[in-house]
PDB file of N, CA and C in Angstrom:
ATOM      1  N   UNK A   1      20.389   2.951 -16.441  1.00  0.00           N
ATOM      2  CA  UNK A   1      20.451   3.279 -18.009  1.00  0.00           C
ATOM      3  C   UNK A   1      19.330   2.657 -18.869  1.00  0.00           C
ATOM      4  N   UNK A   2      18.813   1.490 -18.132  1.00  0.00           N
ATOM      5  CA  UNK A   2      17.625   1.054 -18.776  1.00  0.00           C
ATOM      6  C   UNK A   2      16.751   0.957 -17.940  1.00  0.00           C
ATOM      7  N   UNK A   3      16.439   1.744 -17.081  1.00  0.00           N
ATOM      8  CA  UNK A   3      15.359   1.766 -16.043  1.00  0.00           C
ATOM      9  C   UNK A   3      14.064   1.726 -16.567  1.00  0.00           C
ATOM     10  N   UNK A   4      13.713   2.121 -17.765  1.00  0.00           N
ATOM     11  CA  UNK A   4      12.474   2.093 -18.368  1.00  0.00           C
ATOM     12  C   UNK A   4      11.719   0.735 -18.712  1.00  0.00           C
ATOM     13  N   UNK A   5      12.961  -0.093 -18.981  1.00  0.00           N
ATOM     14  CA  UNK A   5      12.504  -1.641 -18.963  1.00  0.00           C
ATOM     15  C   UNK A   5      11.984  -2.254 -17.701  1.00  0.00           C
ATOM     16  N   UNK A   6      12.055  -1.724 -16.505  1.00  0.00           N
ATOM     17  CA  UNK A   6      11.749  -2.175 -15.287  1.00  0.00           C
ATOM     18  C   UNK A   6      10.675  -1.376 -14.546  1.00  0.00           C
ATOM     19  N   UNK A   7      10.096  -0.298 -15.463  1.00  0.00           N
ATOM     20  CA  UNK A   7       9.091   0.483 -14.715  1.00  0.00           C
ATOM     21  C   UNK A   7       7.759  -0.373 -14.669  1.00  0.00           C
ATOM     22  N   UNK A   8       7.222  -0.279 -13.320  1.00  0.00           N
ATOM     23  CA  UNK A   8       6.054  -0.953 -13.047  1.00  0.00           C
ATOM     24  C   UNK A   8       5.148  -0.553 -13.645  1.00  0.00           C
ATOM     25  N   UNK A   9       4.077  -1.307 -13.838  1.00  0.00           N
ATOM     26  CA  UNK A   9       2.909  -1.130 -14.679  1.00  0.00           C
ATOM     27  C   UNK A   9       1.684  -0.724 -13.526  1.00  0.00           C
ATOM     28  N   UNK A  10       2.119  -0.631 -12.319  1.00  0.00           N
ATOM     29  CA  UNK A  10       1.126  -0.391 -11.226  1.00  0.00           C
ATOM     30  C   UNK A  10       1.262   1.231 -11.098  1.00  0.00           C
ATOM     31  N   UNK A  11       0.264   1.939 -10.773  1.00  0.00           N
ATOM     32  CA  UNK A  11       0.235   3.206 -10.718  1.00  0.00           C
ATOM     33  C   UNK A  11       0.672   3.430  -9.146  1.00  0.00           C
ATOM     34  N   UNK A  12       1.371   4.581  -8.984  1.00  0.00           N
ATOM     35  CA  UNK A  12       1.962   5.090  -7.678  1.00  0.00           C
ATOM     36  C   UNK A  12       1.719   6.427  -7.356  1.00  0.00           C
ATOM     37  N   UNK A  13       1.629   6.608  -5.883  1.00  0.00           N
ATOM     38  CA  UNK A  13       1.371   8.111  -5.426  1.00  0.00           C
ATOM     39  C   UNK A  13       2.711   8.198  -4.301  1.00  0.00           C
ATOM     40  N   UNK A  14       3.104   9.542  -4.197  1.00  0.00           N
ATOM     41  CA  UNK A  14       3.940   9.750  -2.999  1.00  0.00           C
ATOM     42  C   UNK A  14       3.186   9.708  -1.644  1.00  0.00           C
ATOM     43  N   UNK A  15       3.782   9.192  -0.705  1.00  0.00           N
ATOM     44  CA  UNK A  15       2.971   9.078   0.575  1.00  0.00           C
ATOM     45  C   UNK A  15       2.665  10.500   1.062  1.00  0.00           C
ATOM     46  N   UNK A  16       3.381  11.466   0.728  1.00  0.00           N
ATOM     47  CA  UNK A  16       3.083  12.775   1.220  1.00  0.00           C
ATOM     48  C   UNK A  16       2.124  13.571   0.468  1.00  0.00           C
ATOM     49  N   UNK A  17       1.521  12.794  -0.437  1.00  0.00           N
ATOM     50  CA  UNK A  17       0.272  13.529  -1.326  1.00  0.00           C
ATOM     51  C   UNK A  17      -0.988  12.807  -0.876  1.00  0.00           C
ATOM     52  N   UNK A  18      -0.952  12.006   0.171  1.00  0.00           N
ATOM     53  CA  UNK A  18      -2.174  11.372   0.508  1.00  0.00           C
ATOM     54  C   UNK A  18      -2.919  12.266   1.621  1.00  0.00           C
ATOM     55  N   UNK A  19      -2.343  13.287   2.481  1.00  0.00           N
ATOM     56  CA  UNK A  19      -3.063  14.093   3.540  1.00  0.00           C
ATOM     57  C   UNK A  19      -4.528  14.265   3.266  1.00  0.00           C
ATOM     58  N   UNK A  20      -4.889  14.774   2.039  1.00  0.00           N
ATOM     59  CA  UNK A  20      -6.100  15.352   1.563  1.00  0.00           C
ATOM     60  C   UNK A  20      -7.068  14.029   1.371  1.00  0.00           C
ATOM     61  N   UNK A  21      -6.444  12.834   1.341  1.00  0.00           N
ATOM     62  CA  UNK A  21      -7.160  11.537   0.816  1.00  0.00           C
ATOM     63  C   UNK A  21      -7.710  10.769   1.912  1.00  0.00           C
ATOM     64  N   UNK A  22      -7.212  10.949   3.108  1.00  0.00           N
ATOM     65  CA  UNK A  22      -7.395  10.021   4.071  1.00  0.00           C
ATOM     66  C   UNK A  22      -8.960  10.317   4.447  1.00  0.00           C
ATOM     67  N   UNK A  23      -9.530   8.756   4.357  1.00  0.00           N
ATOM     68  CA  UNK A  23     -10.714   8.848   4.887  1.00  0.00           C
ATOM     69  C   UNK A  23     -11.719   8.659   3.394  1.00  0.00           C
ATOM     70  N   UNK A  24     -11.158   9.017   2.271  1.00  0.00           N
ATOM     71  CA  UNK A  24     -11.586   8.826   1.084  1.00  0.00           C
ATOM     72  C   UNK A  24     -11.138   7.734   0.263  1.00  0.00           C
ATOM     73  N   UNK A  25     -10.061   7.191   0.709  1.00  0.00           N
ATOM     74  CA  UNK A  25      -9.267   6.122  -0.058  1.00  0.00           C
ATOM     75  C   UNK A  25      -9.453   4.853   0.838  1.00  0.00           C
ATOM     76  N   UNK A  26      -9.184   3.540   0.228  1.00  0.00           N
ATOM     77  CA  UNK A  26      -8.936   2.266   0.957  1.00  0.00           C
ATOM     78  C   UNK A  26      -7.510   2.247   1.317  1.00  0.00           C
ATOM     79  N   UNK A  27      -6.838   2.502   2.398  1.00  0.00           N
ATOM     80  CA  UNK A  27      -5.516   2.496   2.439  1.00  0.00           C
ATOM     81  C   UNK A  27      -5.051   1.332   3.438  1.00  0.00           C
ATOM     82  N   UNK A  28      -4.339   0.329   2.843  1.00  0.00           N
ATOM     83  CA  UNK A  28      -3.850  -0.926   3.345  1.00  0.00           C
ATOM     84  C   UNK A  28      -2.445  -0.951   3.840  1.00  0.00           C
ATOM     85  N   UNK A  29      -1.931  -1.027   5.092  1.00  0.00           N
ATOM     86  CA  UNK A  29      -0.622  -1.208   5.436  1.00  0.00           C
ATOM     87  C   UNK A  29      -0.187  -2.671   5.586  1.00  0.00           C
ATOM     88  N   UNK A  30       0.453  -3.249   4.576  1.00  0.00           N
ATOM     89  CA  UNK A  30       1.030  -4.496   4.498  1.00  0.00           C
ATOM     90  C   UNK A  30       1.986  -4.891   5.423  1.00  0.00           C
ATOM     91  N   UNK A  31       2.615  -4.082   6.141  1.00  0.00           N
ATOM     92  CA  UNK A  31       3.553  -4.404   7.217  1.00  0.00           C
ATOM     93  C   UNK A  31       3.175  -5.624   8.412  1.00  0.00           C
ATOM     94  N   UNK A  32       4.227  -5.930   9.109  1.00  0.00           N
ATOM     95  CA  UNK A  32       3.666  -6.932  10.098  1.00  0.00           C
ATOM     96  C   UNK A  32       3.102  -6.175  11.320  1.00  0.00           C
ATOM     97  N   UNK A  33       2.224  -6.741  11.991  1.00  0.00           N
ATOM     98  CA  UNK A  33       1.476  -6.096  13.062  1.00  0.00           C
ATOM     99  C   UNK A  33       2.324  -5.325  14.153  1.00  0.00           C
ATOM    100  N   UNK A  34       3.320  -5.814  14.375  1.00  0.00           N
ATOM    101  CA  UNK A  34       4.334  -5.192  15.439  1.00  0.00           C
ATOM    102  C   UNK A  34       4.836  -3.830  14.704  1.00  0.00           C
ATOM    103  N   UNK A  35       5.003  -3.694  13.291  1.00  0.00           N
ATOM    104  CA  UNK A  35       5.586  -2.550  12.690  1.00  0.00           C
ATOM    105  C   UNK A  35       4.358  -1.774  12.488  1.00  0.00           C
ATOM    106  N   UNK A  36       3.064  -2.027  12.379  1.00  0.00           N
ATOM    107  CA  UNK A  36       1.927  -1.155  12.114  1.00  0.00           C
ATOM    108  C   UNK A  36       1.664  -0.317  13.651  1.00  0.00           C
ATOM    109  N   UNK A  37       1.742  -1.336  14.703  1.00  0.00           N
ATOM    110  CA  UNK A  37       1.482  -0.820  15.929  1.00  0.00           C
ATOM    111  C   UNK A  37       2.563   0.280  16.463  1.00  0.00           C
ATOM    112  N   UNK A  38       3.689   0.302  15.969  1.00  0.00           N
ATOM    113  CA  UNK A  38       4.605   1.287  16.243  1.00  0.00           C
ATOM    114  C   UNK A  38       4.461   2.536  15.563  1.00  0.00           C
ATOM    115  N   UNK A  39       3.358   2.772  14.609  1.00  0.00           N
ATOM    116  CA  UNK A  39       2.791   3.894  13.938  1.00  0.00           C
ATOM    117  C   UNK A  39       2.553   3.751  12.588  1.00  0.00           C
ATOM    118  N   UNK A  40       1.447   4.077  12.196  1.00  0.00           N
ATOM    119  CA  UNK A  40       0.852   4.162  10.866  1.00  0.00           C
ATOM    120  C   UNK A  40       0.158   5.083  10.479  1.00  0.00           C
ATOM    121  N   UNK A  41      -0.129   5.313   9.270  1.00  0.00           N
ATOM    122  CA  UNK A  41      -0.748   6.359   8.724  1.00  0.00           C
ATOM    123  C   UNK A  41      -2.511   6.416   9.200  1.00  0.00           C
ATOM    124  N   UNK A  42      -2.950   7.465   9.164  1.00  0.00           N
ATOM    125  CA  UNK A  42      -4.124   7.567   9.589  1.00  0.00           C
ATOM    126  C   UNK A  42      -5.249   6.852   8.780  1.00  0.00           C
ATOM    127  N   UNK A  43      -6.112   6.263   9.153  1.00  0.00           N
ATOM    128  CA  UNK A  43      -6.992   5.381   8.485  1.00  0.00           C
ATOM    129  C   UNK A  43      -6.631   4.119   7.713  1.00  0.00           C
ATOM    130  N   UNK A  44      -5.293   3.967   7.943  1.00  0.00           N
ATOM    131  CA  UNK A  44      -4.881   2.673   7.167  1.00  0.00           C
ATOM    132  C   UNK A  44      -5.193   1.522   8.051  1.00  0.00           C
ATOM    133  N   UNK A  45      -5.501   0.351   7.283  1.00  0.00           N
ATOM    134  CA  UNK A  45      -5.859  -0.970   7.859  1.00  0.00           C
ATOM    135  C   UNK A  45      -4.838  -1.809   7.821  1.00  0.00           C
ATOM    136  N   UNK A  46      -4.337  -2.647   8.734  1.00  0.00           N
ATOM    137  CA  UNK A  46      -3.383  -3.580   8.751  1.00  0.00           C
ATOM    138  C   UNK A  46      -3.762  -4.901   8.042  1.00  0.00           C
ATOM    139  N   UNK A  47      -3.193  -5.091   6.925  1.00  0.00           N
ATOM    140  CA  UNK A  47      -3.445  -6.656   6.389  1.00  0.00           C
ATOM    141  C   UNK A  47      -1.991  -6.996   5.952  1.00  0.00           C
ATOM    142  N   UNK A  48      -1.172  -7.779   6.753  1.00  0.00           N
ATOM    143  CA  UNK A  48       0.082  -8.111   6.482  1.00  0.00           C
ATOM    144  C   UNK A  48       0.199  -8.964   5.074  1.00  0.00           C
ATOM    145  N   UNK A  49       1.423  -8.701   4.329  1.00  0.00           N
ATOM    146  CA  UNK A  49       1.835  -9.376   3.223  1.00  0.00           C
ATOM    147  C   UNK A  49       1.193 -10.706   2.805  1.00  0.00           C
ATOM    148  N   UNK A  50       1.578 -11.551   3.856  1.00  0.00           N
ATOM    149  CA  UNK A  50       1.255 -13.109   3.592  1.00  0.00           C
ATOM    150  C   UNK A  50      -0.366 -13.206   3.679  1.00  0.00           C
ATOM    151  N   UNK A  51      -1.035 -12.426   4.529  1.00  0.00           N
ATOM    152  CA  UNK A  51      -2.490 -12.615   4.597  1.00  0.00           C
ATOM    153  C   UNK A  51      -3.236 -11.756   3.259  1.00  0.00           C
ATOM    154  N   UNK A  52      -2.756 -10.781   2.955  1.00  0.00           N
ATOM    155  CA  UNK A  52      -3.571 -10.254   1.804  1.00  0.00           C
ATOM    156  C   UNK A  52      -3.130 -10.870   0.397  1.00  0.00           C
ATOM    157  N   UNK A  53      -2.004 -11.305   0.352  1.00  0.00           N
ATOM    158  CA  UNK A  53      -1.680 -12.172  -0.787  1.00  0.00           C
ATOM    159  C   UNK A  53      -2.530 -13.599  -0.836  1.00  0.00           C
ATOM    160  N   UNK A  54      -2.354 -14.250   0.258  1.00  0.00           N
ATOM    161  CA  UNK A  54      -2.979 -15.618   0.164  1.00  0.00           C
ATOM    162  C   UNK A  54      -4.726 -15.458   0.374  1.00  0.00           C
ATOM    163  N   UNK A  55      -5.137 -14.356   0.722  1.00  0.00           N
ATOM    164  CA  UNK A  55      -6.710 -14.128   1.076  1.00  0.00           C
ATOM    165  C   UNK A  55      -7.294 -13.050   0.297  1.00  0.00           C
ATOM    166  N   UNK A  56      -6.770 -12.586  -0.625  1.00  0.00           N
ATOM    167  CA  UNK A  56      -7.214 -11.422  -1.315  1.00  0.00           C
ATOM    168  C   UNK A  56      -8.642 -11.535  -2.010  1.00  0.00           C
ATOM    169  N   UNK A  57      -8.975 -12.537  -2.422  1.00  0.00           N
ATOM    170  CA  UNK A  57     -10.357 -12.709  -2.974  1.00  0.00           C
ATOM    171  C   UNK A  57     -11.343 -12.687  -1.741  1.00  0.00           C
ATOM    172  N   UNK A  58     -11.114 -12.973  -0.508  1.00  0.00           N
ATOM    173  CA  UNK A  58     -12.088 -12.898   0.421  1.00  0.00           C
ATOM    174  C   UNK A  58     -12.067 -11.637   1.156  1.00  0.00           C
ATOM    175  N   UNK A  59     -10.726 -10.964   1.007  1.00  0.00           N
ATOM    176  CA  UNK A  59     -10.629  -9.582   2.022  1.00  0.00           C
ATOM    177  C   UNK A  59     -10.920  -8.266   1.070  1.00  0.00           C
ATOM    178  N   UNK A  60     -10.714  -8.432   0.011  1.00  0.00           N
ATOM    179  CA  UNK A  60     -10.836  -7.227  -0.955  1.00  0.00           C
ATOM    180  C   UNK A  60     -12.061  -7.271  -2.049  1.00  0.00           C
ATOM    181  N   UNK A  61     -12.508  -6.181  -2.629  1.00  0.00           N
ATOM    182  CA  UNK A  61     -13.412  -6.266  -3.354  1.00  0.00           C
ATOM    183  C   UNK A  61     -12.891  -5.596  -4.996  1.00  0.00           C
ATOM    184  N   UNK A  62     -12.879  -6.358  -5.841  1.00  0.00           N
ATOM    185  CA  UNK A  62     -12.359  -5.710  -7.102  1.00  0.00           C
ATOM    186  C   UNK A  62     -13.017  -4.646  -7.826  1.00  0.00           C
ATOM    187  N   UNK A  63     -13.982  -4.243  -7.355  1.00  0.00           N
ATOM    188  CA  UNK A  63     -14.814  -3.025  -7.950  1.00  0.00           C
ATOM    189  C   UNK A  63     -14.180  -1.800  -7.099  1.00  0.00           C
ATOM    190  N   UNK A  64     -13.306  -2.118  -6.060  1.00  0.00           N
ATOM    191  CA  UNK A  64     -12.729  -0.625  -5.294  1.00  0.00           C
ATOM    192  C   UNK A  64     -11.378  -0.429  -5.726  1.00  0.00           C
ATOM    193  N   UNK A  65     -10.715   0.646  -5.346  1.00  0.00           N
ATOM    194  CA  UNK A  65      -9.198   0.958  -5.746  1.00  0.00           C
ATOM    195  C   UNK A  65      -8.759   1.086  -4.146  1.00  0.00           C
ATOM    196  N   UNK A  66      -7.422   0.172  -4.096  1.00  0.00           N
ATOM    197  CA  UNK A  66      -6.892   0.128  -3.034  1.00  0.00           C
ATOM    198  C   UNK A  66      -5.477   0.736  -3.022  1.00  0.00           C
ATOM    199  N   UNK A  67      -5.180   1.686  -1.984  1.00  0.00           N
ATOM    200  CA  UNK A  67      -3.782   2.197  -1.772  1.00  0.00           C
ATOM    201  C   UNK A  67      -2.882   1.344  -0.771  1.00  0.00           C
ATOM    202  N   UNK A  68      -1.735   0.669  -1.167  1.00  0.00           N
ATOM    203  CA  UNK A  68      -0.960  -0.034  -0.586  1.00  0.00           C
ATOM    204  C   UNK A  68       0.480   0.537   0.121  1.00  0.00           C
ATOM    205  N   UNK A  69       0.531   0.297   1.351  1.00  0.00           N
ATOM    206  CA  UNK A  69       1.847   0.925   1.842  1.00  0.00           C
ATOM    207  C   UNK A  69       2.318  -0.126   2.729  1.00  0.00           C
ATOM    208  N   UNK A  70       3.741   0.246   2.665  1.00  0.00           N
ATOM    209  CA  UNK A  70       4.917  -0.616   3.803  1.00  0.00           C
ATOM    210  C   UNK A  70       5.605   0.539   4.350  1.00  0.00           C
ATOM    211  N   UNK A  71       6.800   0.076   4.827  1.00  0.00           N
ATOM    212  CA  UNK A  71       7.739   0.888   5.424  1.00  0.00           C
ATOM    213  C   UNK A  71       8.405   1.850   4.475  1.00  0.00           C
ATOM    214  N   UNK A  72       8.853   1.191   3.438  1.00  0.00           N
ATOM    215  CA  UNK A  72       9.579   2.143   2.318  1.00  0.00           C
ATOM    216  C   UNK A  72       9.097   2.002   0.944  1.00  0.00           C
ATOM    217  N   UNK A  73       8.126   1.232   0.527  1.00  0.00           N
ATOM    218  CA  UNK A  73       7.653   0.956  -0.490  1.00  0.00           C
ATOM    219  C   UNK A  73       7.918  -0.174  -1.346  1.00  0.00           C
ATOM    220  N   UNK A  74       8.989  -0.864  -0.989  1.00  0.00           N
ATOM    221  CA  UNK A  74       9.384  -2.150  -1.665  1.00  0.00           C
ATOM    222  C   UNK A  74       8.068  -3.386  -1.402  1.00  0.00           C
ATOM    223  N   UNK A  75       7.927  -3.429  -0.375  1.00  0.00           N
ATOM    224  CA  UNK A  75       6.898  -4.835  -0.141  1.00  0.00           C
ATOM    225  C   UNK A  75       5.560  -4.392  -0.593  1.00  0.00           C
ATOM    226  N   UNK A  76       5.295  -3.175  -0.616  1.00  0.00           N
ATOM    227  CA  UNK A  76       4.024  -2.392  -1.313  1.00  0.00           C
ATOM    228  C   UNK A  76       4.028  -2.690  -2.748  1.00  0.00           C
ATOM    229  N   UNK A  77       5.106  -2.348  -3.300  1.00  0.00           N
ATOM    230  CA  UNK A  77       5.222  -2.623  -4.599  1.00  0.00           C
ATOM    231  C   UNK A  77       5.031  -4.153  -5.104  1.00  0.00           C
ATOM    232  N   UNK A  78       5.606  -4.713  -4.352  1.00  0.00           N
ATOM    233  CA  UNK A  78       5.514  -6.452  -4.881  1.00  0.00           C
ATOM    234  C   UNK A  78       4.101  -6.671  -4.536  1.00  0.00           C
ATOM    235  N   UNK A  79       3.467  -6.281  -3.393  1.00  0.00           N
ATOM    236  CA  UNK A  79       2.276  -6.711  -3.324  1.00  0.00           C
ATOM    237  C   UNK A  79       1.082  -6.098  -4.337  1.00  0.00           C
ATOM    238  N   UNK A  80       1.208  -5.081  -4.830  1.00  0.00           N
ATOM    239  CA  UNK A  80       0.852  -4.299  -5.832  1.00  0.00           C
ATOM    240  C   UNK A  80       0.785  -5.330  -7.057  1.00  0.00           C
ATOM    241  N   UNK A  81       1.799  -5.644  -7.276  1.00  0.00           N
ATOM    242  CA  UNK A  81       2.157  -6.475  -8.674  1.00  0.00           C
ATOM    243  C   UNK A  81       1.277  -7.771  -8.633  1.00  0.00           C
ATOM    244  N   UNK A  82       1.374  -8.446  -7.370  1.00  0.00           N
ATOM    245  CA  UNK A  82       0.486  -9.664  -7.357  1.00  0.00           C
ATOM    246  C   UNK A  82      -0.933  -9.293  -7.298  1.00  0.00           C
ATOM    247  N   UNK A  83      -1.497  -8.283  -6.534  1.00  0.00           N
ATOM    248  CA  UNK A  83      -2.950  -8.012  -6.696  1.00  0.00           C
ATOM    249  C   UNK A  83      -3.325  -7.614  -7.881  1.00  0.00           C
ATOM    250  N   UNK A  84      -2.547  -6.935  -8.650  1.00  0.00           N
ATOM    251  CA  UNK A  84      -2.993  -6.473 -10.068  1.00  0.00           C
ATOM    252  C   UNK A  84      -2.941  -7.654 -10.992  1.00  0.00           C
ATOM    253  N   UNK A  85      -2.124  -8.680 -10.844  1.00  0.00           N
ATOM    254  CA  UNK A  85      -2.245  -9.913 -11.729  1.00  0.00           C
ATOM    255  C   UNK A  85      -3.773 -10.826 -11.352  1.00  0.00           C
ATOM    256  N   UNK A  86      -3.976 -10.528 -10.153  1.00  0.00           N
ATOM    257  CA  UNK A  86      -5.352 -11.252  -9.524  1.00  0.00           C
ATOM    258  C   UNK A  86      -6.678 -10.338 -10.017  1.00  0.00           C
ATOM    259  N   UNK A  87      -6.374  -9.215 -10.703  1.00  0.00           N
ATOM    260  CA  UNK A  87      -7.500  -8.502 -11.112  1.00  0.00           C
ATOM    261  C   UNK A  87      -7.906  -7.093 -10.135  1.00  0.00           C
ATOM    262  N   UNK A  88      -7.036  -6.958  -9.125  1.00  0.00           N
ATOM    263  CA  UNK A  88      -7.485  -5.937  -8.124  1.00  0.00           C
ATOM    264  C   UNK A  88      -6.834  -4.633  -8.679  1.00  0.00           C
ATOM    265  N   UNK A  89      -7.735  -3.554  -8.417  1.00  0.00           N
ATOM    266  CA  UNK A  89      -7.228  -2.017  -8.580  1.00  0.00           C
ATOM    267  C   UNK A  89      -6.437  -1.449  -7.509  1.00  0.00           C
ATOM    268  N   UNK A  90      -5.194  -1.349  -7.753  1.00  0.00           N
ATOM    269  CA  UNK A  90      -4.230  -0.934  -6.501  1.00  0.00           C
ATOM    270  C   UNK A  90      -3.476   0.346  -7.049  1.00  0.00           C
ATOM    271  N   UNK A  91      -2.950   0.790  -6.105  1.00  0.00           N
ATOM    272  CA  UNK A  91      -1.814   2.012  -6.250  1.00  0.00           C
ATOM    273  C   UNK A  91      -0.808   1.861  -4.983  1.00  0.00           C
ATOM    274  N   UNK A  92       0.381   1.818  -5.699  1.00  0.00           N
ATOM    275  CA  UNK A  92       1.434   1.738  -4.783  1.00  0.00           C
ATOM    276  C   UNK A  92       1.735   3.091  -3.930  1.00  0.00           C
ATOM    277  N   UNK A  93       1.779   3.154  -2.913  1.00  0.00           N
ATOM    278  CA  UNK A  93       2.099   4.355  -2.027  1.00  0.00           C
ATOM    279  C   UNK A  93       3.831   4.684  -1.769  1.00  0.00           C
ATOM    280  N   UNK A  94       4.450   5.220  -2.703  1.00  0.00           N
ATOM    281  CA  UNK A  94       5.846   5.266  -2.881  1.00  0.00           C
ATOM    282  C   UNK A  94       6.337   5.920  -1.567  1.00  0.00           C
ATOM    283  N   UNK A  95       7.681   5.550  -0.900  1.00  0.00           N
ATOM    284  CA  UNK A  95       8.120   6.397  -0.021  1.00  0.00           C
ATOM    285  C   UNK A  95       7.744   5.465   1.348  1.00  0.00           C
ATOM    286  N   UNK A  96       6.240   4.969   1.309  1.00  0.00           N
ATOM    287  CA  UNK A  96       6.027   4.400   2.501  1.00  0.00           C
ATOM    288  C   UNK A  96       6.177   5.187   3.906  1.00  0.00           C
ATOM    289  N   UNK A  97       5.883   4.530   4.904  1.00  0.00           N
ATOM    290  CA  UNK A  97       5.512   5.147   6.126  1.00  0.00           C
ATOM    291  C   UNK A  97       6.833   5.837   6.658  1.00  0.00           C
ATOM    292  N   UNK A  98       8.052   5.190   6.308  1.00  0.00           N
ATOM    293  CA  UNK A  98       9.262   5.659   6.711  1.00  0.00           C
ATOM    294  C   UNK A  98       9.600   7.366   6.252  1.00  0.00           C
ATOM    295  N   UNK A  99       8.855   7.623   5.171  1.00  0.00           N
ATOM    296  CA  UNK A  99       9.073   9.104   4.555  1.00  0.00           C
ATOM    297  C   UNK A  99       8.035   9.843   4.685  1.00  0.00           C
ATOM    298  N   UNK A 100       7.060   9.373   5.536  1.00  0.00           N
ATOM    299  CA  UNK A 100       5.662  10.342   5.758  1.00  0.00           C
ATOM    300  C   UNK A 100       6.067  11.303   6.611  1.00  0.00           C
ATOM    301  N   UNK A 101       5.885  12.732   6.118  1.00  0.00           N
ATOM    302  CA  UNK A 101       6.082  13.835   6.982  1.00  0.00           C
ATOM    303  C   UNK A 101       5.076  14.203   8.182  1.00  0.00           C
ATOM    304  N   UNK A 102       3.898  13.733   7.995  1.00  0.00           N
ATOM    305  CA  UNK A 102       2.634  13.866   8.840  1.00  0.00           C
ATOM    306  C   UNK A 102       2.953  12.963  10.111  1.00  0.00           C
ATOM    307  N   UNK A 103       2.138  13.034  11.237  1.00  0.00           N
ATOM    308  CA  UNK A 103       2.094  12.450  12.510  1.00  0.00           C
ATOM    309  C   UNK A 103       1.283  11.131  12.228  1.00  0.00           C
ATOM    310  N   UNK A 104       2.020  10.053  12.764  1.00  0.00           N
ATOM    311  CA  UNK A 104       1.748   8.862  12.509  1.00  0.00           C
ATOM    312  C   UNK A 104       0.708   8.336  13.929  1.00  0.00           C
ATOM    313  N   UNK A 105      -0.281   7.385  13.750  1.00  0.00           N
ATOM    314  CA  UNK A 105      -1.181   7.055  14.740  1.00  0.00           C
ATOM    315  C   UNK A 105      -0.478   5.705  15.355  1.00  0.00           C
ATOM    316  N   UNK A 106      -0.741   5.719  16.538  1.00  0.00           N
ATOM    317  CA  UNK A 106      -0.303   4.262  17.253  1.00  0.00           C
ATOM    318  C   UNK A 106      -1.586   3.706  18.092  1.00  0.00           C
TER     319      UNK A 106
END
């Protein structure tokens, strides 16, 4: 009923809208390495939640936009909120790897 009160201030895009953007965006998969190795989106770079949150300033460039993905969209949404507070330009990939209809890389 009051969903509008909890609407994220982070932009988001559906995972199945990314196909045309591979290679043109900075896509970061925040899942653990074993999850990433089991299948990830093309061009996604693996930076697990703890690493990206604790080392954002040394790993990311505030002048770039980053698309953040996880398995379902929950972890990536939390990471996006944290990174946005730190001044980074981020887009949450909703649906996550679990809802991607394309072929995952291994």
